[in-house]
């Protein structure tokens, strides 16, 4: 059996128009487009918020599902936050700086469904912001 190529692949989480600059108005909720995640043994994310005022405040939650959603970037009951996984980031208030966190590892015992996406919710006092999320997938050879 041939071995998989080993290395890290980085991709942007994007909104419906394909932009990596995800618009988040005040206290609303947005969803990124779905992406394949089941080829990774370990996953980390980097995220950053930028806004004109000093009032960035959002929560980022990873959701997963069996298939791509019927409508990208919208509520879909087939997508859920994995049991036992907390939000990736709660009350992101740092502006203009990258933050990094591990999402999961194969050793953690989590069963990864084929598709993932992010649910981003502006918290109280958030002003219009732009969120960027990079997904780092490690493939073991």
N, C-alpha and C. Protein backbone atom coordinates (compact mmCIF):
# COMPACT_ATOMS: atom_id res chain seq x y z
N UNK A 1 0.83 -1.16 0.00
CA UNK A 1 0.00 0.00 0.00
C UNK A 1 0.89 1.24 0.00
N UNK A 2 0.59 2.20 -0.86
CA UNK A 2 1.37 3.44 -0.96
C UNK A 2 1.10 4.33 0.24
N UNK A 3 2.13 5.01 0.68
CA UNK A 3 1.97 5.93 1.80
C UNK A 3 1.43 7.27 1.31
N UNK A 4 0.67 7.94 2.16
CA UNK A 4 0.21 9.28 1.86
C UNK A 4 1.39 10.24 1.90
N UNK A 5 1.29 11.30 1.15
CA UNK A 5 2.28 12.36 1.22
C UNK A 5 2.21 12.96 2.62
N UNK A 6 3.36 13.12 3.26
CA UNK A 6 3.39 13.67 4.61
C UNK A 6 3.64 15.17 4.55
N UNK A 7 2.97 15.91 5.41
CA UNK A 7 3.20 17.34 5.46
C UNK A 7 1.99 18.05 6.01
N UNK A 8 2.05 19.38 5.99
CA UNK A 8 0.96 20.21 6.48
C UNK A 8 0.39 20.99 5.31
N UNK A 9 -0.91 20.96 5.19
CA UNK A 9 -1.63 21.72 4.17
C UNK A 9 -2.39 22.82 4.90
N UNK A 10 -2.24 24.05 4.43
CA UNK A 10 -2.97 25.17 5.02
C UNK A 10 -3.96 25.70 4.00
N UNK A 11 -5.20 25.89 4.45
CA UNK A 11 -6.23 26.45 3.58
C UNK A 11 -7.03 27.48 4.36
N UNK A 12 -7.63 28.41 3.64
CA UNK A 12 -8.46 29.43 4.27
C UNK A 12 -9.88 28.93 4.42
N UNK A 13 -10.52 29.26 5.53
CA UNK A 13 -11.97 29.12 5.64
C UNK A 13 -12.54 30.32 4.89
N UNK A 14 -13.57 30.11 4.08
CA UNK A 14 -14.08 31.20 3.25
C UNK A 14 -15.59 31.37 3.41
N UNK A 15 -16.05 32.57 3.06
CA UNK A 15 -17.49 32.83 3.07
C UNK A 15 -18.06 32.49 1.69
N UNK A 16 -19.35 32.73 1.48
CA UNK A 16 -20.04 32.26 0.28
C UNK A 16 -19.44 32.77 -1.03
N UNK A 17 -18.84 33.96 -1.04
CA UNK A 17 -18.26 34.49 -2.28
C UNK A 17 -16.82 34.03 -2.49
N UNK A 18 -16.33 33.16 -1.62
CA UNK A 18 -14.97 32.63 -1.75
C UNK A 18 -13.91 33.48 -1.07
N UNK A 19 -14.31 34.58 -0.46
CA UNK A 19 -13.36 35.47 0.21
C UNK A 19 -12.95 34.90 1.57
N UNK A 20 -11.66 35.02 1.88
CA UNK A 20 -11.16 34.60 3.19
C UNK A 20 -11.41 35.67 4.25
N UNK A 21 -11.84 36.86 3.83
CA UNK A 21 -12.21 37.93 4.76
C UNK A 21 -13.69 37.78 5.09
N UNK A 22 -13.97 37.12 6.19
CA UNK A 22 -15.34 36.77 6.56
C UNK A 22 -15.97 37.94 7.31
N UNK A 23 -17.03 38.51 6.73
CA UNK A 23 -17.69 39.67 7.32
C UNK A 23 -18.60 39.25 8.47
N UNK A 24 -18.46 39.93 9.58
CA UNK A 24 -19.28 39.67 10.75
C UNK A 24 -19.84 40.99 11.24
N UNK A 25 -21.14 41.16 11.07
CA UNK A 25 -21.80 42.37 11.55
C UNK A 25 -22.15 42.18 13.02
N UNK A 26 -22.04 43.18 13.79
CA UNK A 26 -22.38 43.22 15.22
C UNK A 26 -22.61 41.85 15.84
N UNK A 27 -23.85 41.55 16.24
CA UNK A 27 -24.12 40.32 16.99
C UNK A 27 -24.82 39.26 16.15
N UNK A 28 -24.48 39.16 14.87
CA UNK A 28 -25.10 38.13 14.05
C UNK A 28 -24.24 36.87 14.01
N UNK A 29 -24.74 35.85 13.31
CA UNK A 29 -24.02 34.59 13.16
C UNK A 29 -23.79 34.32 11.68
N UNK A 30 -22.56 33.93 11.32
CA UNK A 30 -22.25 33.56 9.95
C UNK A 30 -21.60 32.18 9.96
N UNK A 31 -21.69 31.50 8.83
CA UNK A 31 -21.10 30.18 8.67
C UNK A 31 -20.14 30.23 7.50
N UNK A 32 -19.01 29.53 7.62
CA UNK A 32 -18.09 29.44 6.49
C UNK A 32 -18.58 28.35 5.53
N UNK A 33 -17.99 28.32 4.35
CA UNK A 33 -18.24 27.21 3.44
C UNK A 33 -17.66 25.95 4.07
N UNK A 34 -18.22 24.81 3.73
CA UNK A 34 -17.70 23.55 4.27
C UNK A 34 -16.40 23.18 3.55
N UNK A 35 -15.64 22.30 4.18
CA UNK A 35 -14.38 21.84 3.62
C UNK A 35 -14.16 20.40 4.05
N UNK A 36 -13.42 19.64 3.22
CA UNK A 36 -13.08 18.26 3.59
C UNK A 36 -12.07 18.30 4.72
N UNK A 37 -12.27 17.43 5.71
CA UNK A 37 -11.38 17.42 6.87
C UNK A 37 -10.92 16.00 7.21
N UNK A 38 -11.57 14.99 6.62
CA UNK A 38 -11.32 13.61 7.02
C UNK A 38 -9.99 13.04 6.54
N UNK A 39 -9.22 13.80 5.76
CA UNK A 39 -7.92 13.31 5.31
C UNK A 39 -6.79 13.68 6.27
N UNK A 40 -7.12 14.40 7.34
CA UNK A 40 -6.09 14.88 8.27
C UNK A 40 -6.01 14.03 9.53
N UNK A 41 -4.79 13.86 10.02
CA UNK A 41 -4.57 13.17 11.28
C UNK A 41 -4.59 14.13 12.45
N UNK A 42 -4.16 15.36 12.19
CA UNK A 42 -4.16 16.42 13.20
C UNK A 42 -4.59 17.71 12.51
N UNK A 43 -5.31 18.54 13.25
CA UNK A 43 -5.76 19.81 12.68
C UNK A 43 -5.58 20.91 13.71
N UNK A 44 -5.06 22.03 13.27
CA UNK A 44 -4.96 23.24 14.09
C UNK A 44 -5.57 24.38 13.28
N UNK A 45 -5.96 25.41 13.96
CA UNK A 45 -6.47 26.59 13.25
C UNK A 45 -5.75 27.84 13.76
N UNK A 46 -5.69 28.81 12.88
CA UNK A 46 -5.23 30.15 13.24
C UNK A 46 -6.38 31.08 12.92
N UNK A 47 -6.62 32.07 13.78
CA UNK A 47 -7.73 32.98 13.54
C UNK A 47 -7.34 34.39 13.97
N UNK A 48 -7.97 35.36 13.31
CA UNK A 48 -7.70 36.76 13.59
C UNK A 48 -8.96 37.58 13.32
N UNK A 49 -9.18 38.60 14.12
CA UNK A 49 -10.29 39.53 13.90
C UNK A 49 -9.72 40.93 13.72
N UNK A 50 -10.36 41.70 12.83
CA UNK A 50 -9.97 43.09 12.62
C UNK A 50 -11.25 43.91 12.54
N UNK A 51 -11.26 45.05 13.20
CA UNK A 51 -12.35 46.01 13.03
C UNK A 51 -11.84 47.41 13.32
N UNK A 52 -12.62 48.40 12.92
CA UNK A 52 -12.19 49.79 13.06
C UNK A 52 -12.16 50.24 14.51
N UNK A 53 -13.14 49.82 15.27
CA UNK A 53 -13.19 50.18 16.69
C UNK A 53 -12.43 49.13 17.50
N UNK A 54 -12.21 49.39 18.73
CA UNK A 54 -11.52 48.42 19.59
C UNK A 54 -12.55 47.57 20.32
N UNK A 55 -13.45 46.96 19.53
CA UNK A 55 -14.54 46.21 20.17
C UNK A 55 -14.82 44.88 19.48
N UNK A 56 -13.78 44.21 19.02
CA UNK A 56 -13.95 42.88 18.44
C UNK A 56 -14.35 41.91 19.56
N UNK A 57 -15.35 41.09 19.30
CA UNK A 57 -15.78 40.12 20.29
C UNK A 57 -16.62 39.06 19.60
N UNK A 58 -16.07 37.88 19.41
CA UNK A 58 -16.78 36.82 18.69
C UNK A 58 -16.43 35.45 19.26
N UNK A 59 -17.29 34.49 18.98
CA UNK A 59 -17.07 33.10 19.34
C UNK A 59 -16.99 32.28 18.05
N UNK A 60 -16.00 31.39 17.97
CA UNK A 60 -15.81 30.54 16.80
C UNK A 60 -16.01 29.09 17.23
N UNK A 61 -16.94 28.41 16.55
CA UNK A 61 -17.28 27.02 16.87
C UNK A 61 -17.06 26.16 15.63
N UNK A 62 -16.39 25.02 15.80
CA UNK A 62 -16.22 24.05 14.71
C UNK A 62 -17.45 23.16 14.67
N UNK A 63 -18.00 22.95 13.46
CA UNK A 63 -19.11 22.03 13.25
C UNK A 63 -18.70 21.01 12.19
N UNK A 64 -19.30 19.82 12.25
CA UNK A 64 -18.99 18.80 11.25
C UNK A 64 -20.25 18.11 10.78
N UNK A 65 -20.17 17.48 9.59
CA UNK A 65 -21.31 16.78 9.03
C UNK A 65 -20.88 15.68 8.07
N UNK A 66 -21.85 14.85 7.66
CA UNK A 66 -21.57 13.73 6.75
C UNK A 66 -21.36 14.19 5.31
N UNK A 67 -22.06 15.24 4.90
CA UNK A 67 -22.03 15.72 3.52
C UNK A 67 -21.85 17.23 3.51
N UNK A 68 -21.57 17.75 2.33
CA UNK A 68 -21.60 19.21 2.19
C UNK A 68 -23.04 19.65 2.47
N UNK A 69 -23.24 20.82 3.08
CA UNK A 69 -24.61 21.25 3.39
C UNK A 69 -25.42 21.51 2.12
N UNK A 70 -26.73 21.39 2.23
CA UNK A 70 -27.61 21.66 1.09
C UNK A 70 -27.40 23.08 0.59
N UNK A 71 -27.25 24.02 1.50
CA UNK A 71 -26.96 25.41 1.17
C UNK A 71 -25.75 25.83 1.97
N UNK A 72 -24.66 26.17 1.28
CA UNK A 72 -23.44 26.60 1.97
C UNK A 72 -23.68 27.90 2.73
N UNK A 73 -22.98 28.06 3.82
CA UNK A 73 -22.96 29.30 4.63
C UNK A 73 -24.32 29.62 5.24
N UNK A 74 -25.11 28.59 5.54
CA UNK A 74 -26.43 28.78 6.15
C UNK A 74 -26.62 27.73 7.24
N UNK A 75 -27.61 27.96 8.09
CA UNK A 75 -27.95 26.99 9.12
C UNK A 75 -28.24 25.65 8.45
N UNK A 76 -27.74 24.56 9.02
CA UNK A 76 -27.99 23.22 8.49
C UNK A 76 -28.04 22.26 9.67
N UNK A 77 -29.18 21.61 9.87
CA UNK A 77 -29.33 20.72 11.03
C UNK A 77 -28.42 19.50 10.95
N UNK A 78 -27.86 19.22 9.78
CA UNK A 78 -26.93 18.10 9.63
C UNK A 78 -25.53 18.41 10.14
N UNK A 79 -25.29 19.66 10.51
CA UNK A 79 -23.99 20.08 11.03
C UNK A 79 -24.11 20.36 12.52
N UNK A 80 -23.21 19.74 13.30
CA UNK A 80 -23.25 19.90 14.75
C UNK A 80 -21.84 20.07 15.30
N UNK A 81 -21.77 20.67 16.46
CA UNK A 81 -20.51 20.74 17.19
C UNK A 81 -20.25 19.36 17.77
N UNK A 82 -19.07 18.79 17.56
CA UNK A 82 -18.79 17.45 18.08
C UNK A 82 -18.98 17.39 19.60
N UNK A 83 -19.55 16.30 20.07
CA UNK A 83 -19.77 16.09 21.50
C UNK A 83 -18.42 16.13 22.21
N UNK A 84 -18.36 16.88 23.28
CA UNK A 84 -17.13 16.96 24.07
C UNK A 84 -16.14 18.00 23.58
N UNK A 85 -16.42 18.63 22.43
CA UNK A 85 -15.51 19.65 21.91
C UNK A 85 -16.07 21.03 22.27
N UNK A 86 -15.27 21.83 22.93
CA UNK A 86 -15.71 23.17 23.26
C UNK A 86 -15.49 24.09 22.06
N UNK A 87 -15.93 25.32 22.18
CA UNK A 87 -15.72 26.30 21.11
C UNK A 87 -14.23 26.45 20.85
N UNK A 88 -13.87 26.69 19.60
CA UNK A 88 -12.45 26.90 19.25
C UNK A 88 -11.92 28.16 19.91
N UNK A 89 -12.77 29.17 19.96
CA UNK A 89 -12.38 30.44 20.56
C UNK A 89 -13.63 31.11 21.12
N UNK A 90 -13.55 31.55 22.35
CA UNK A 90 -14.67 32.22 23.00
C UNK A 90 -14.25 33.65 23.31
N UNK A 91 -15.08 34.58 22.94
CA UNK A 91 -14.80 36.00 23.17
C UNK A 91 -13.44 36.41 22.63
N UNK A 92 -13.25 36.20 21.32
CA UNK A 92 -12.03 36.66 20.66
C UNK A 92 -12.04 38.17 20.71
N UNK A 93 -11.13 38.75 21.47
CA UNK A 93 -11.12 40.20 21.61
C UNK A 93 -9.81 40.82 21.12
N UNK A 94 -8.81 40.00 20.84
CA UNK A 94 -7.56 40.56 20.33
C UNK A 94 -7.77 40.96 18.87
N UNK A 95 -7.32 42.13 18.50
CA UNK A 95 -7.51 42.63 17.15
C UNK A 95 -6.20 42.62 16.39
N UNK A 96 -6.26 42.13 15.15
CA UNK A 96 -5.11 42.22 14.27
C UNK A 96 -3.94 41.32 14.59
N UNK A 97 -4.11 40.36 15.47
CA UNK A 97 -3.05 39.41 15.82
C UNK A 97 -3.56 37.99 15.60
N UNK A 98 -2.70 37.14 15.06
CA UNK A 98 -3.08 35.74 14.86
C UNK A 98 -3.06 35.01 16.19
N UNK A 99 -4.09 34.19 16.40
CA UNK A 99 -4.19 33.28 17.54
C UNK A 99 -4.17 31.87 16.98
N UNK A 100 -3.63 30.92 17.71
CA UNK A 100 -3.49 29.55 17.22
C UNK A 100 -4.01 28.57 18.26
N UNK A 101 -4.69 27.53 17.78
CA UNK A 101 -5.18 26.50 18.70
C UNK A 101 -5.29 25.17 17.97
N UNK A 102 -5.06 24.08 18.69
CA UNK A 102 -5.25 22.75 18.12
C UNK A 102 -6.75 22.47 18.05
N UNK A 103 -7.19 21.91 16.95
CA UNK A 103 -8.60 21.56 16.81
C UNK A 103 -8.83 20.12 17.25
N UNK A 104 -8.06 19.19 16.69
CA UNK A 104 -8.13 17.80 17.14
C UNK A 104 -6.90 17.04 16.66
N UNK A 105 -6.68 15.89 17.29
CA UNK A 105 -5.64 14.96 16.85
C UNK A 105 -6.26 13.58 16.77
N UNK A 106 -5.67 12.73 15.97
CA UNK A 106 -6.18 11.36 15.83
C UNK A 106 -6.13 10.64 17.17
N UNK A 107 -5.15 10.98 17.99
CA UNK A 107 -5.00 10.32 19.29
C UNK A 107 -6.09 10.72 20.28
N UNK A 108 -6.79 11.81 20.01
CA UNK A 108 -7.80 12.28 20.96
C UNK A 108 -9.04 11.38 20.97
N UNK A 109 -9.15 10.47 20.02
CA UNK A 109 -10.26 9.54 20.00
C UNK A 109 -11.53 10.09 19.38
N UNK A 110 -11.47 11.28 18.81
CA UNK A 110 -12.65 11.88 18.18
C UNK A 110 -12.83 11.29 16.79
N UNK A 111 -14.03 10.89 16.48
CA UNK A 111 -14.33 10.41 15.14
C UNK A 111 -14.65 11.63 14.29
N UNK A 112 -13.90 11.80 13.23
CA UNK A 112 -14.04 12.98 12.39
C UNK A 112 -14.94 12.66 11.21
N UNK A 113 -16.00 13.43 11.05
CA UNK A 113 -16.87 13.29 9.89
C UNK A 113 -16.19 13.95 8.69
N UNK A 114 -16.62 13.62 7.48
CA UNK A 114 -15.89 14.08 6.29
C UNK A 114 -15.83 15.60 6.08
N UNK A 115 -16.84 16.32 6.52
CA UNK A 115 -16.90 17.76 6.25
C UNK A 115 -16.91 18.57 7.53
N UNK A 116 -16.26 19.72 7.48
CA UNK A 116 -16.27 20.65 8.60
C UNK A 116 -16.57 22.05 8.11
N UNK A 117 -16.88 22.93 9.04
CA UNK A 117 -17.08 24.35 8.77
C UNK A 117 -17.04 25.08 10.11
N UNK A 118 -17.08 26.41 10.07
CA UNK A 118 -17.06 27.19 11.29
C UNK A 118 -18.31 28.04 11.40
N UNK A 119 -18.83 28.12 12.61
CA UNK A 119 -19.94 29.00 12.96
C UNK A 119 -19.32 30.13 13.78
N UNK A 120 -19.49 31.36 13.31
CA UNK A 120 -18.89 32.52 13.96
C UNK A 120 -20.01 33.44 14.42
N UNK A 121 -20.03 33.73 15.71
CA UNK A 121 -21.09 34.55 16.29
C UNK A 121 -20.49 35.79 16.93
N UNK A 122 -20.99 36.94 16.51
CA UNK A 122 -20.58 38.19 17.14
C UNK A 122 -21.24 38.30 18.50
N UNK A 123 -20.45 38.56 19.52
CA UNK A 123 -20.98 38.69 20.87
C UNK A 123 -21.37 40.13 21.15
N UNK A 124 -22.02 40.34 22.27
CA UNK A 124 -22.43 41.68 22.68
C UNK A 124 -21.25 42.65 22.59
N UNK A 125 -21.49 43.81 22.09
CA UNK A 125 -20.52 44.89 21.94
C UNK A 125 -19.59 44.71 20.75
N UNK A 126 -19.71 43.63 19.99
CA UNK A 126 -18.90 43.50 18.78
C UNK A 126 -19.37 44.54 17.76
N UNK A 127 -18.44 45.19 17.10
CA UNK A 127 -18.80 46.06 15.99
C UNK A 127 -18.45 45.34 14.70
N UNK A 128 -18.85 45.90 13.58
CA UNK A 128 -18.60 45.24 12.29
C UNK A 128 -17.13 44.83 12.21
N UNK A 129 -16.90 43.55 11.93
CA UNK A 129 -15.55 42.98 11.97
C UNK A 129 -15.28 42.12 10.75
N UNK A 130 -14.02 41.83 10.54
CA UNK A 130 -13.60 40.86 9.53
C UNK A 130 -12.84 39.76 10.28
N UNK A 131 -13.22 38.52 10.03
CA UNK A 131 -12.60 37.36 10.67
C UNK A 131 -11.86 36.56 9.62
N UNK A 132 -10.65 36.14 9.92
CA UNK A 132 -9.88 35.25 9.05
C UNK A 132 -9.57 33.98 9.83
N UNK A 133 -9.78 32.83 9.19
CA UNK A 133 -9.46 31.54 9.81
C UNK A 133 -8.64 30.74 8.81
N UNK A 134 -7.52 30.22 9.26
CA UNK A 134 -6.70 29.31 8.45
C UNK A 134 -6.74 27.93 9.10
N UNK A 135 -6.93 26.92 8.26
CA UNK A 135 -7.01 25.53 8.73
C UNK A 135 -5.72 24.84 8.34
N UNK A 136 -5.03 24.25 9.32
CA UNK A 136 -3.75 23.57 9.09
C UNK A 136 -3.99 22.07 9.30
N UNK A 137 -3.93 21.31 8.22
CA UNK A 137 -4.18 19.87 8.29
C UNK A 137 -2.84 19.14 8.15
N UNK A 138 -2.51 18.32 9.16
CA UNK A 138 -1.30 17.52 9.09
C UNK A 138 -1.64 16.14 8.57
N UNK A 139 -0.94 15.75 7.52
CA UNK A 139 -1.14 14.43 6.93
C UNK A 139 0.07 13.58 7.29
N UNK A 140 -0.18 12.41 7.84
CA UNK A 140 0.91 11.51 8.22
C UNK A 140 1.20 10.57 7.06
N UNK A 141 2.49 10.33 6.84
CA UNK A 141 2.89 9.42 5.75
C UNK A 141 3.01 8.01 6.22
